[in-house]
Structures are given as structure tokens and as C-alpha cells.
Amino acid sequence: MGLRFPVSDAERRNVPLFPDHSVTDEPLTHGPADKEFRSVCTAALGDERARQLALRSIGIFAACSLLAQGASRPLIMVLCRWTYAASLDIYARLRPEDYVH
């Protein structure tokens, strides 16, 4: 993104990290973000595996990993940008190998 939409050091705090492709001051929304993620996954992993993944998979993986490392529920919610504790209850779960400990 930095090559397509260069941002000066002074502007960095005011410009989204992942801007929309057409306008640099608008954030990248879910639809285009999902499309880009799918494209990258398909190129890297093939169509069959890419269909099994979604952009939210990254957040779920992060939440599960943080939980396994003993991170607090509030910290996991903040880092995954979840507003509702129900999201944490649904997605942050221990892996089978972590139950042993």
C-alpha cells in the first residue's frame, strides 16, 4: 500500500493503515478486505484451502493463541477489537493440546 498511496510521516496518524483503493482517507471496509484476503489465500494456498478460510480466521487464531498464553479476557477483546464478550466466548477457545495443561 505504501508504494501505491505514499503517506508522509506527518500524515501517518491521520491516514488509515489499510485505506480504500480509490480514496486514501477512507478505511478499507469488510467487503473489499474479504475480497483481497480471498485473492491472497487463493494465490498462496489454492482454491480449495482458500475456501476454508476467512479474514476473521486471523482474529480467531490470535484470540485462541492469546488465551493459550494466559492473556486476560479484556486484553484479548481489545487486541481483537471485539466489543462484546459473547465474541470472546464463541471464538477464543483452547486447542485440544492446551486442555492437557
N, C-alpha and C. Protein backbone atom coordinates (compact mmCIF):
# COMPACT_ATOMS: atom_id res chain seq x y z
N MET A 1 0.81 -1.19 0.00
CA MET A 1 0.00 0.00 0.00
C MET A 1 0.86 1.25 0.00
N GLY A 2 1.99 1.21 0.70
CA GLY A 2 2.83 2.37 0.80
C GLY A 2 3.35 2.87 -0.53
N LEU A 3 3.55 1.96 -1.47
CA LEU A 3 4.04 2.37 -2.79
C LEU A 3 2.93 2.98 -3.64
N ARG A 4 1.72 2.44 -3.51
CA ARG A 4 0.59 2.94 -4.31
C ARG A 4 0.05 4.25 -3.76
N PHE A 5 0.03 4.38 -2.42
CA PHE A 5 -0.51 5.57 -1.77
C PHE A 5 0.48 6.07 -0.73
N PRO A 6 1.56 6.71 -1.16
CA PRO A 6 2.56 7.18 -0.20
C PRO A 6 1.97 8.19 0.78
N VAL A 7 2.40 8.07 2.03
CA VAL A 7 1.94 8.96 3.09
C VAL A 7 3.16 9.51 3.81
N SER A 8 3.19 10.82 4.01
CA SER A 8 4.33 11.43 4.69
C SER A 8 4.28 11.08 6.17
N ASP A 9 5.41 11.21 6.84
CA ASP A 9 5.47 10.93 8.28
C ASP A 9 4.47 11.79 9.05
N ALA A 10 4.30 13.03 8.65
CA ALA A 10 3.39 13.94 9.35
C ALA A 10 1.93 13.51 9.21
N GLU A 11 1.59 12.81 8.13
CA GLU A 11 0.21 12.39 7.88
C GLU A 11 -0.14 11.02 8.47
N ARG A 12 0.86 10.25 8.89
CA ARG A 12 0.63 8.85 9.30
C ARG A 12 -0.45 8.67 10.36
N ARG A 13 -0.54 9.57 11.33
CA ARG A 13 -1.54 9.43 12.39
C ARG A 13 -2.96 9.67 11.89
N ASN A 14 -3.13 10.28 10.75
CA ASN A 14 -4.45 10.65 10.26
C ASN A 14 -4.94 9.82 9.08
N VAL A 15 -4.12 8.90 8.60
CA VAL A 15 -4.48 8.09 7.43
C VAL A 15 -4.61 6.64 7.87
N PRO A 16 -5.69 5.96 7.48
CA PRO A 16 -5.85 4.55 7.85
C PRO A 16 -4.69 3.70 7.36
N LEU A 17 -4.36 2.65 8.14
CA LEU A 17 -3.28 1.75 7.75
C LEU A 17 -3.62 1.04 6.44
N PHE A 18 -4.88 0.63 6.27
CA PHE A 18 -5.33 -0.03 5.06
C PHE A 18 -6.43 0.81 4.42
N PRO A 19 -6.06 1.81 3.63
CA PRO A 19 -7.07 2.67 3.02
C PRO A 19 -7.80 1.96 1.89
N ASP A 20 -8.96 2.48 1.55
CA ASP A 20 -9.70 2.00 0.38
C ASP A 20 -8.84 2.26 -0.85
N HIS A 21 -8.96 1.40 -1.85
CA HIS A 21 -8.12 1.54 -3.04
C HIS A 21 -8.38 2.84 -3.80
N SER A 22 -9.60 3.36 -3.72
CA SER A 22 -9.92 4.53 -4.53
C SER A 22 -9.68 5.85 -3.80
N VAL A 23 -9.76 5.86 -2.49
CA VAL A 23 -9.62 7.09 -1.73
C VAL A 23 -8.73 6.82 -0.53
N THR A 24 -7.66 7.56 -0.39
CA THR A 24 -6.69 7.25 0.66
C THR A 24 -7.13 7.66 2.06
N ASP A 25 -8.17 8.50 2.20
CA ASP A 25 -8.57 8.89 3.54
C ASP A 25 -9.77 8.09 4.07
N GLU A 26 -10.19 7.06 3.36
CA GLU A 26 -11.28 6.20 3.81
C GLU A 26 -10.71 4.83 4.19
N PRO A 27 -11.20 4.24 5.30
CA PRO A 27 -10.68 2.92 5.69
C PRO A 27 -11.15 1.82 4.74
N LEU A 28 -10.38 0.77 4.68
CA LEU A 28 -10.76 -0.40 3.89
C LEU A 28 -11.89 -1.10 4.63
N THR A 29 -13.01 -1.31 3.98
CA THR A 29 -14.18 -1.91 4.62
C THR A 29 -14.17 -3.43 4.43
N HIS A 30 -15.12 -4.11 5.10
CA HIS A 30 -15.13 -5.57 5.13
C HIS A 30 -15.20 -6.21 3.74
N GLY A 31 -16.07 -5.72 2.89
CA GLY A 31 -16.24 -6.33 1.56
C GLY A 31 -14.94 -6.38 0.76
N PRO A 32 -14.33 -5.23 0.51
CA PRO A 32 -13.06 -5.23 -0.23
C PRO A 32 -11.94 -5.97 0.52
N ALA A 33 -11.94 -5.87 1.85
CA ALA A 33 -10.91 -6.57 2.63
C ALA A 33 -11.06 -8.08 2.47
N ASP A 34 -12.29 -8.58 2.54
CA ASP A 34 -12.53 -10.02 2.34
C ASP A 34 -12.11 -10.46 0.95
N LYS A 35 -12.41 -9.65 -0.05
CA LYS A 35 -12.05 -9.98 -1.43
C LYS A 35 -10.53 -10.06 -1.59
N GLU A 36 -9.81 -9.11 -1.02
CA GLU A 36 -8.35 -9.11 -1.10
C GLU A 36 -7.76 -10.32 -0.36
N PHE A 37 -8.31 -10.60 0.83
CA PHE A 37 -7.84 -11.75 1.61
C PHE A 37 -8.04 -13.04 0.83
N ARG A 38 -9.22 -13.20 0.23
CA ARG A 38 -9.53 -14.39 -0.56
C ARG A 38 -8.56 -14.53 -1.73
N SER A 39 -8.27 -13.42 -2.38
CA SER A 39 -7.36 -13.43 -3.52
C SER A 39 -5.95 -13.88 -3.11
N VAL A 40 -5.46 -13.34 -1.99
CA VAL A 40 -4.13 -13.71 -1.50
C VAL A 40 -4.10 -15.18 -1.08
N CYS A 41 -5.13 -15.63 -0.37
CA CYS A 41 -5.19 -17.03 0.07
C CYS A 41 -5.25 -17.98 -1.13
N THR A 42 -6.04 -17.63 -2.13
CA THR A 42 -6.15 -18.48 -3.32
C THR A 42 -4.81 -18.58 -4.03
N ALA A 43 -4.13 -17.45 -4.18
CA ALA A 43 -2.83 -17.45 -4.85
C ALA A 43 -1.79 -18.26 -4.07
N ALA A 44 -1.84 -18.16 -2.74
CA ALA A 44 -0.83 -18.82 -1.92
C ALA A 44 -1.15 -20.27 -1.60
N LEU A 45 -2.45 -20.59 -1.43
CA LEU A 45 -2.83 -21.90 -0.91
C LEU A 45 -3.69 -22.74 -1.84
N GLY A 46 -4.15 -22.13 -2.92
CA GLY A 46 -5.05 -22.84 -3.82
C GLY A 46 -6.50 -22.60 -3.45
N ASP A 47 -7.38 -22.83 -4.40
CA ASP A 47 -8.79 -22.50 -4.23
C ASP A 47 -9.46 -23.32 -3.13
N GLU A 48 -9.18 -24.61 -3.07
CA GLU A 48 -9.85 -25.47 -2.08
C GLU A 48 -9.56 -25.02 -0.65
N ARG A 49 -8.29 -24.78 -0.33
CA ARG A 49 -7.93 -24.35 1.03
C ARG A 49 -8.43 -22.93 1.30
N ALA A 50 -8.34 -22.06 0.30
CA ALA A 50 -8.78 -20.68 0.47
C ALA A 50 -10.26 -20.60 0.81
N ARG A 51 -11.06 -21.50 0.29
CA ARG A 51 -12.50 -21.51 0.61
C ARG A 51 -12.75 -21.84 2.07
N GLN A 52 -11.80 -22.45 2.74
CA GLN A 52 -11.96 -22.83 4.14
C GLN A 52 -11.58 -21.70 5.10
N LEU A 53 -11.00 -20.64 4.57
CA LEU A 53 -10.51 -19.55 5.41
C LEU A 53 -11.31 -18.28 5.18
N ALA A 54 -11.34 -17.45 6.18
CA ALA A 54 -11.96 -16.13 6.08
C ALA A 54 -11.07 -15.14 6.81
N LEU A 55 -11.25 -13.88 6.52
CA LEU A 55 -10.44 -12.85 7.14
C LEU A 55 -10.56 -12.92 8.67
N ARG A 56 -11.74 -13.27 9.16
CA ARG A 56 -11.91 -13.38 10.61
C ARG A 56 -11.09 -14.51 11.20
N SER A 57 -10.62 -15.45 10.36
CA SER A 57 -9.78 -16.54 10.85
C SER A 57 -8.53 -16.02 11.55
N ILE A 58 -8.01 -14.90 11.09
CA ILE A 58 -6.81 -14.31 11.70
C ILE A 58 -7.11 -13.88 13.13
N GLY A 59 -8.25 -13.22 13.34
CA GLY A 59 -8.64 -12.78 14.68
C GLY A 59 -8.91 -13.95 15.60
N ILE A 60 -9.55 -14.99 15.07
CA ILE A 60 -9.84 -16.17 15.86
C ILE A 60 -8.54 -16.86 16.27
N PHE A 61 -7.61 -17.00 15.33
CA PHE A 61 -6.31 -17.60 15.65
C PHE A 61 -5.60 -16.78 16.72
N ALA A 62 -5.63 -15.45 16.58
CA ALA A 62 -4.97 -14.59 17.57
C ALA A 62 -5.61 -14.75 18.94
N ALA A 63 -6.94 -14.78 18.99
CA ALA A 63 -7.65 -14.93 20.27
C ALA A 63 -7.32 -16.26 20.92
N CYS A 64 -7.32 -17.33 20.15
CA CYS A 64 -7.00 -18.66 20.69
C CYS A 64 -5.56 -18.72 21.19
N SER A 65 -4.66 -18.13 20.45
CA SER A 65 -3.25 -18.13 20.86
C SER A 65 -3.04 -17.31 22.12
N LEU A 66 -3.68 -16.15 22.19
CA LEU A 66 -3.56 -15.32 23.38
C LEU A 66 -4.14 -16.02 24.61
N LEU A 67 -5.28 -16.67 24.43
CA LEU A 67 -5.89 -17.41 25.53
C LEU A 67 -4.97 -18.52 26.02
N ALA A 68 -4.37 -19.25 25.08
CA ALA A 68 -3.45 -20.34 25.43
C ALA A 68 -2.23 -19.83 26.18
N GLN A 69 -1.85 -18.58 25.94
CA GLN A 69 -0.70 -17.99 26.61
C GLN A 69 -1.07 -17.32 27.93
N GLY A 70 -2.35 -17.39 28.30
CA GLY A 70 -2.79 -16.84 29.58
C GLY A 70 -3.18 -15.37 29.56
N ALA A 71 -3.40 -14.80 28.37
CA ALA A 71 -3.81 -13.39 28.30
C ALA A 71 -5.18 -13.22 28.94
N SER A 72 -5.42 -12.06 29.50
CA SER A 72 -6.70 -11.78 30.14
C SER A 72 -7.79 -11.59 29.09
N ARG A 73 -9.03 -11.85 29.50
CA ARG A 73 -10.16 -11.67 28.59
C ARG A 73 -10.25 -10.23 28.07
N PRO A 74 -10.11 -9.21 28.94
CA PRO A 74 -10.18 -7.83 28.43
C PRO A 74 -9.07 -7.52 27.41
N LEU A 75 -7.87 -8.04 27.65
CA LEU A 75 -6.77 -7.80 26.71
C LEU A 75 -7.08 -8.44 25.35
N ILE A 76 -7.57 -9.67 25.36
CA ILE A 76 -7.90 -10.34 24.11
C ILE A 76 -8.97 -9.56 23.35
N MET A 77 -9.98 -9.09 24.08
CA MET A 77 -11.05 -8.31 23.43
C MET A 77 -10.52 -7.04 22.79
N VAL A 78 -9.62 -6.35 23.49
CA VAL A 78 -9.05 -5.11 22.95
C VAL A 78 -8.20 -5.40 21.71
N LEU A 79 -7.32 -6.39 21.81
CA LEU A 79 -6.42 -6.68 20.69
C LEU A 79 -7.17 -7.19 19.46
N CYS A 80 -8.27 -7.91 19.68
CA CYS A 80 -9.07 -8.42 18.55
C CYS A 80 -10.16 -7.44 18.13
N ARG A 81 -10.24 -6.32 18.85
CA ARG A 81 -11.21 -5.25 18.55
C ARG A 81 -12.64 -5.77 18.63
N TRP A 82 -12.91 -6.60 19.66
CA TRP A 82 -14.25 -7.11 19.89
C TRP A 82 -14.92 -6.27 20.97
N THR A 83 -16.13 -5.88 20.73
CA THR A 83 -16.90 -5.07 21.67
C THR A 83 -17.66 -5.93 22.66
N TYR A 84 -18.10 -7.09 22.22
CA TYR A 84 -18.97 -7.93 23.04
C TYR A 84 -18.24 -9.15 23.58
N ALA A 85 -18.45 -9.44 24.86
CA ALA A 85 -17.84 -10.61 25.48
C ALA A 85 -18.32 -11.90 24.81
N ALA A 86 -19.49 -11.87 24.21
CA ALA A 86 -20.02 -13.05 23.51
C ALA A 86 -19.07 -13.47 22.38
N SER A 87 -18.44 -12.52 21.72
CA SER A 87 -17.47 -12.86 20.66
C SER A 87 -16.31 -13.64 21.24
N LEU A 88 -15.85 -13.21 22.38
CA LEU A 88 -14.75 -13.90 23.05
C LEU A 88 -15.18 -15.32 23.43
N ASP A 89 -16.39 -15.45 23.97
CA ASP A 89 -16.89 -16.77 24.35
C ASP A 89 -17.01 -17.71 23.16
N ILE A 90 -17.38 -17.18 22.01
CA ILE A 90 -17.57 -18.01 20.82
C ILE A 90 -16.24 -18.39 20.18
N TYR A 91 -15.35 -17.41 20.00
CA TYR A 91 -14.16 -17.63 19.18
C TYR A 91 -12.89 -17.99 19.93
N ALA A 92 -12.71 -17.49 21.15
CA ALA A 92 -11.47 -17.75 21.89
C ALA A 92 -11.62 -19.07 22.64
N ARG A 93 -11.04 -20.10 22.13
CA ARG A 93 -11.13 -21.41 22.76
C ARG A 93 -9.76 -22.07 22.77
N LEU A 94 -9.57 -22.91 23.74
CA LEU A 94 -8.30 -23.62 23.83
C LEU A 94 -8.23 -24.71 22.77
N ARG A 95 -7.04 -24.92 22.28
CA ARG A 95 -6.81 -26.03 21.35
C ARG A 95 -6.80 -27.32 22.16
N PRO A 96 -7.13 -28.46 21.55
CA PRO A 96 -7.14 -29.72 22.29
C PRO A 96 -5.85 -29.99 23.04
N GLU A 97 -4.70 -29.66 22.46
CA GLU A 97 -3.42 -29.90 23.12
C GLU A 97 -3.22 -29.01 24.34
N ASP A 98 -3.96 -27.88 24.41
CA ASP A 98 -3.85 -26.99 25.57
C ASP A 98 -4.68 -27.46 26.76
N TYR A 99 -5.70 -28.29 26.51
CA TYR A 99 -6.53 -28.79 27.60
C TYR A 99 -5.71 -29.62 28.59
N VAL A 100 -4.69 -30.28 28.10
CA VAL A 100 -3.85 -31.14 28.94
C VAL A 100 -3.23 -30.35 30.07
N HIS A 101 -2.86 -29.11 29.78
CA HIS A 101 -2.18 -28.28 30.78
C HIS A 101 -3.18 -27.63 31.69
